[in-house]
Amino acid sequence: MAEVTATTIIRVPLPDVYRVAKDVERFPEFMPDVQSIRIRDRNGERVTVEWVGLMQGRKIRWVEEETWDDAAHRSTFRLVEGDFSKFEGSWSFAAVPEGTQTSLALDYEMELPLAGALLSNLLKVLVRKNLESMLASLKGQLEGAAQAR
């Protein structure tokens, strides 16, 4: 089991950041590591989402259940099925003077045949880079749109 987090400041108001982050179906348009996303089910705050991502050129698939809390500007997610043994975490958004502090936390486990400490540590580095890439892509999308206005 490994935990990774990533945080960034997006120079855009919180409601705009939250709205774009919640619209996960658009992620493949501006996140290079997200190949496809399909909504399987939507029931109020809960959304079941099928993801196909890329890590070091390898496809990784999973289905997660997301719960969005609009009042708290937070989302939690957990694995339903897929390539991970465990995959759960959260998105959080907070207004700060510079814009919106956006954080992504992930607790995951992936069975790797013959995985020693070296492979497990490499996977953790790759997962952290993936989270940072997702936040950088979200930041670029939002700040680029804000500058275009």
Protein backbone atom coordinates (compact mmCIF):
# COMPACT_ATOMS: atom_id res chain seq x y z
CA MET A 1 0.00 0.00 0.00
CA ALA A 2 1.34 3.43 -0.92
CA GLU A 3 0.08 6.92 -0.38
CA VAL A 4 0.92 9.85 -2.63
CA THR A 5 -0.26 13.45 -2.68
CA ALA A 6 0.14 16.43 -4.95
CA THR A 7 -0.93 20.04 -4.45
CA THR A 8 -0.87 23.13 -6.62
CA ILE A 9 -2.25 26.66 -6.61
CA ILE A 10 -4.42 27.49 -9.62
CA ARG A 11 -4.81 31.23 -10.20
CA VAL A 12 -8.54 30.94 -10.88
CA PRO A 13 -11.50 31.32 -8.47
CA LEU A 14 -12.56 28.17 -6.59
CA PRO A 15 -16.02 27.76 -8.23
CA ASP A 16 -14.41 27.63 -11.70
CA VAL A 17 -11.71 25.15 -10.65
CA TYR A 18 -14.23 22.90 -8.93
CA ARG A 19 -16.61 22.96 -11.91
CA VAL A 20 -13.88 21.91 -14.38
CA ALA A 21 -12.48 19.23 -12.03
CA LYS A 22 -15.95 17.79 -11.53
CA ASP A 23 -16.44 17.51 -15.31
CA VAL A 24 -14.18 14.44 -15.53
CA GLU A 25 -15.50 13.47 -18.96
CA ARG A 26 -13.48 16.37 -20.41
CA PHE A 27 -10.15 15.26 -18.86
CA PRO A 28 -8.94 13.42 -22.00
CA GLU A 29 -9.20 16.74 -23.89
CA PHE A 30 -6.40 18.34 -21.86
CA MET A 31 -4.75 15.58 -19.78
CA PRO A 32 -2.29 13.59 -21.92
CA ASP A 33 -2.11 10.71 -19.41
CA VAL A 34 -5.90 10.17 -19.52
CA GLN A 35 -6.80 8.22 -22.63
CA SER A 36 -10.55 7.91 -22.06
CA ILE A 37 -13.27 8.35 -19.47
CA ARG A 38 -16.80 6.98 -19.60
CA ILE A 39 -19.55 7.64 -17.10
CA ARG A 40 -21.22 4.32 -16.28
CA ASP A 41 -23.77 5.66 -13.82
CA ARG A 42 -24.77 8.98 -12.26
CA ASN A 43 -26.91 9.03 -9.12
CA GLY A 44 -27.00 12.41 -7.39
CA GLU A 45 -23.59 13.09 -5.86
CA ARG A 46 -22.31 9.62 -6.81
CA VAL A 47 -20.81 8.91 -10.20
CA THR A 48 -19.33 5.62 -11.41
CA VAL A 49 -16.54 6.34 -13.87
CA GLU A 50 -14.51 4.05 -16.13
CA TRP A 51 -10.96 5.33 -16.63
CA VAL A 52 -8.24 4.35 -19.10
CA GLY A 53 -4.93 6.04 -18.30
CA LEU A 54 -1.37 5.81 -19.47
CA MET A 55 1.66 5.29 -17.25
CA GLN A 56 5.00 5.05 -19.01
CA GLY A 57 3.12 4.16 -22.20
CA ARG A 58 1.24 1.29 -20.52
CA LYS A 59 -2.55 1.33 -20.39
CA ILE A 60 -4.06 1.13 -16.94
CA ARG A 61 -7.79 0.60 -16.55
CA TRP A 62 -10.05 0.97 -13.55
CA VAL A 63 -13.57 1.86 -12.52
CA GLU A 64 -14.09 4.14 -9.56
CA GLU A 65 -17.04 5.46 -7.63
CA GLU A 66 -16.75 9.17 -7.05
CA THR A 67 -18.73 11.16 -4.51
CA TRP A 68 -18.81 14.93 -5.04
CA ASP A 69 -19.60 17.26 -2.12
CA ASP A 70 -20.44 20.61 -3.69
CA ALA A 71 -20.79 22.42 -0.34
CA ALA A 72 -17.34 21.31 0.88
CA HIS A 73 -15.71 21.49 -2.60
CA ARG A 74 -14.36 17.98 -2.17
CA SER A 75 -14.55 14.64 -3.91
CA THR A 76 -13.72 11.18 -2.64
CA PHE A 77 -13.23 8.14 -4.84
CA ARG A 78 -12.75 4.42 -4.39
CA LEU A 79 -12.01 1.48 -6.65
CA VAL A 80 -14.86 -0.65 -7.96
CA GLU A 81 -12.72 -2.82 -10.28
CA GLY A 82 -9.58 -2.65 -12.38
CA ASP A 83 -5.82 -3.03 -12.52
CA PHE A 84 -5.27 -1.81 -8.97
CA SER A 85 -5.84 -3.89 -5.84
CA LYS A 86 -6.65 -0.72 -3.92
CA PHE A 87 -7.33 2.75 -5.28
CA GLU A 88 -8.99 5.40 -3.15
CA GLY A 89 -8.43 9.02 -2.42
CA SER A 90 -9.74 12.53 -2.65
CA TRP A 91 -9.68 15.84 -4.46
CA SER A 92 -9.91 18.95 -2.30
CA PHE A 93 -10.25 22.59 -3.27
CA ALA A 94 -9.76 25.64 -1.02
CA ALA A 95 -9.88 29.35 -1.76
CA VAL A 96 -6.55 31.06 -1.06
CA PRO A 97 -5.48 34.65 -1.84
CA GLU A 98 -3.69 33.50 -5.02
CA GLY A 99 -6.70 31.53 -6.33
CA THR A 100 -7.52 27.90 -5.47
CA GLN A 101 -5.35 25.39 -3.66
CA THR A 102 -6.06 22.08 -5.34
CA SER A 103 -4.90 18.80 -3.81
CA LEU A 104 -5.11 15.22 -4.97
CA ALA A 105 -4.42 12.37 -2.53
CA LEU A 106 -4.26 8.70 -3.49
CA ASP A 107 -3.86 5.52 -1.48
CA TYR A 108 -3.22 2.65 -3.89
CA GLU A 109 -1.98 -0.88 -4.17
CA MET A 110 -1.06 -2.70 -7.37
CA GLU A 111 0.03 -6.29 -7.52
CA LEU A 112 3.29 -6.53 -9.42
CA PRO A 113 4.67 -9.99 -10.15
CA LEU A 114 8.04 -10.41 -8.49
CA ALA A 115 7.79 -6.83 -7.20
CA GLY A 116 10.57 -5.97 -4.89
CA ALA A 117 11.17 -2.71 -3.08
CA LEU A 118 12.83 -1.22 -6.17
CA LEU A 119 9.78 -1.77 -8.41
CA SER A 120 7.40 -0.62 -5.69
CA ASN A 121 9.41 2.58 -5.24
CA LEU A 122 9.52 3.15 -8.99
CA LEU A 123 5.75 2.71 -9.20
CA LYS A 124 5.29 5.23 -6.39
CA VAL A 125 7.44 7.77 -8.26
CA LEU A 126 5.45 7.18 -11.45
CA VAL A 127 2.10 7.52 -9.65
CA ARG A 128 3.25 10.77 -7.98
CA LYS A 129 4.37 12.13 -11.38
CA ASN A 130 0.99 11.14 -12.80
CA LEU A 131 -0.87 13.05 -10.05
CA GLU A 132 1.37 16.08 -10.57
CA SER A 133 0.75 15.87 -14.32
CA MET A 134 -3.02 15.78 -13.77
CA LEU A 135 -2.86 18.88 -11.58
CA ALA A 136 -0.53 20.67 -14.01
CA SER A 137 -2.91 19.89 -16.88
CA LEU A 138 -5.91 21.15 -14.89
CA LYS A 139 -3.96 24.29 -13.96
CA GLY A 140 -2.92 24.87 -17.58
CA GLN A 141 -6.47 24.40 -18.85
CA LEU A 142 -7.97 26.81 -16.32
CA GLU A 143 -5.28 29.47 -16.32
CA GLY A 144 -5.06 29.38 -20.12
CA ALA A 145 -8.83 29.87 -20.40
CA ALA A 146 -8.71 32.70 -17.86
CA GLN A 147 -5.96 34.50 -19.82
CA ALA A 148 -7.91 34.08 -23.08
CA ARG A 149 -10.87 35.98 -21.61
